[in-house]
Protein backbone atom coordinates (compact mmCIF):
# COMPACT_ATOMS: atom_id res chain seq x y z
CA MET A 1 16.36 -12.03 -5.00
CA ILE A 2 16.19 -10.06 -8.27
CA TYR A 3 12.67 -8.88 -7.39
CA PHE A 4 13.86 -7.65 -3.98
CA MET A 5 16.73 -5.76 -5.65
CA ILE A 6 14.36 -4.15 -8.17
CA LYS A 7 11.96 -3.18 -5.40
CA THR A 8 14.77 -1.70 -3.32
CA PHE A 9 16.27 0.17 -6.29
CA LEU A 10 12.96 1.76 -7.32
CA THR A 11 12.13 2.81 -3.77
CA VAL A 12 15.58 4.26 -3.12
CA ALA A 13 15.65 5.97 -6.53
CA LEU A 14 12.41 7.77 -5.69
CA ILE A 15 13.75 9.07 -2.38
CA ILE A 16 17.02 10.18 -3.97
CA ALA A 17 15.14 11.89 -6.81
CA ILE A 18 13.08 13.90 -4.31
CA SER A 19 16.19 14.99 -2.39
CA GLU A 20 17.93 16.00 -5.63
CA ILE A 21 14.89 17.95 -6.84
CA ALA A 22 14.81 19.73 -3.45
CA LYS A 23 18.19 21.27 -4.28
CA ARG A 24 16.53 23.08 -7.17
CA SER A 25 12.95 23.56 -6.03
CA SER A 26 11.58 22.94 -2.55
CA PHE A 27 8.08 23.32 -3.99
CA MET A 28 8.51 20.55 -6.60
CA ALA A 29 10.22 18.25 -4.11
CA GLY A 30 7.48 18.98 -1.58
CA LEU A 31 4.84 18.25 -4.18
CA LEU A 32 6.41 14.88 -5.01
CA ALA A 33 6.98 14.01 -1.37
CA SER A 34 3.43 14.98 -0.39
CA ILE A 35 1.92 12.55 -2.85
CA PRO A 36 1.48 9.35 -0.88
CA LEU A 37 4.29 7.66 -2.82
CA THR A 38 5.51 5.67 0.16
CA SER A 39 2.01 4.40 0.79
CA LEU A 40 1.50 3.68 -2.90
CA LEU A 41 4.75 1.73 -3.11
CA ALA A 42 4.02 -0.21 0.09
CA LEU A 43 0.51 -1.10 -1.08
CA MET A 44 1.73 -1.97 -4.57
CA TRP A 45 4.61 -4.18 -3.33
CA PHE A 46 2.28 -5.85 -0.81
CA GLN A 47 -0.32 -6.62 -3.48
CA ILE A 48 2.26 -7.84 -6.02
CA GLU A 49 3.73 -10.14 -3.38
CA GLY A 50 0.41 -11.91 -3.02
CA GLY A 51 -1.38 -9.80 -0.46
CA ASP A 52 -5.09 -10.48 -0.59
CA VAL A 53 -7.53 -7.69 -1.35
CA GLU A 54 -8.92 -7.53 2.19
CA ARG A 55 -5.47 -7.16 3.78
CA THR A 56 -4.52 -4.54 1.19
CA ALA A 57 -7.73 -2.64 1.99
CA ALA A 58 -6.98 -2.94 5.73
CA LEU A 59 -3.46 -1.57 5.19
CA SER A 60 -4.87 1.32 3.16
CA THR A 61 -7.40 2.08 5.90
CA SER A 62 -4.68 2.07 8.56
CA ILE A 63 -2.58 4.45 6.49
CA PHE A 64 -5.59 6.75 6.10
CA TRP A 65 -6.25 6.91 9.84
CA LEU A 66 -2.58 7.41 10.72
CA ILE A 67 -1.91 10.40 8.45
CA PRO A 68 -3.13 13.15 10.87
CA PRO A 69 -0.54 12.54 13.62
CA SER A 70 2.24 12.29 11.03
CA LEU A 71 1.58 15.95 10.20
CA ILE A 72 2.93 16.90 13.63
CA PHE A 73 6.46 16.20 12.40
CA LEU A 74 6.01 18.41 9.34
CA GLY A 75 4.60 21.23 11.44
CA VAL A 76 7.08 21.12 14.32
CA LEU A 77 10.32 20.64 12.36
CA PRO A 78 10.25 23.93 10.40
CA VAL A 79 9.24 25.87 13.52
CA LEU A 80 12.22 24.48 15.44
CA LEU A 81 14.66 25.00 12.57
CA ARG A 82 13.54 28.60 12.10
CA ALA A 83 13.96 29.12 15.86
CA ASN A 84 17.67 28.27 15.35
CA VAL A 85 17.45 24.90 17.08
CA THR A 86 20.27 22.73 15.75
CA PRO A 87 19.04 20.36 13.04
CA ALA A 88 19.86 17.21 15.01
CA ILE A 89 17.93 18.42 18.06
CA ALA A 90 15.08 19.68 15.86
CA PHE A 91 14.75 16.28 14.18
CA ILE A 92 14.88 14.42 17.51
CA ALA A 93 12.30 16.74 19.08
CA ALA A 94 10.00 16.54 16.05
CA ILE A 95 10.23 12.74 16.08
CA ALA A 96 9.55 12.60 19.84
CA LEU A 97 6.56 14.95 19.57
CA THR A 98 5.23 12.96 16.64
CA GLY A 99 5.55 9.75 18.64
CA ALA A 100 3.63 11.33 21.52
CA GLY A 101 1.05 12.58 19.03
CA TYR A 102 0.60 9.07 17.66
CA TRP A 103 0.08 7.68 21.16
CA ILE A 104 -2.51 10.34 22.06
CA TYR A 105 -4.24 9.96 18.69
CA LEU A 106 -4.45 6.17 19.00
CA GLN A 107 -5.91 6.53 22.49
CA ALA A 108 -8.53 8.91 21.11
CA LEU A 109 -9.37 6.54 18.25
CA GLY A 110 -9.78 3.74 20.81
CA VAL A 111 -12.23 5.85 22.81
CA LEU A 112 -14.18 6.42 19.59
CA GLY A 113 -14.23 2.67 18.96
CA ILE A 114 -11.87 2.79 15.98
CA ARG A 115 -9.43 -0.11 16.09
CA LEU A 116 -6.57 -0.40 13.63
């Protein structure tokens, strides 16, 4: 239970730190957020919890292949916000388009014989 609390605290602290830094510098917050911290934490927690090397490598490979469609969200959201779309609608639309992008991307990977 203590380990779970430590893991949760560190993960949440990182997210809060990025949002607080964003109040002062969008560049610095963007830099921190763009580093694959979420992936690093997930891989680290998985390995610490007894994940074997092969499964950790498979998780890392899946993360690698799934980065491109995630960029849809980061491209669409600022366009919608700058077009004066309300933030709630902009987030929902960006999430929906990202979901569609993932589906199309996974279909394309399947055609290329890449299975995750």
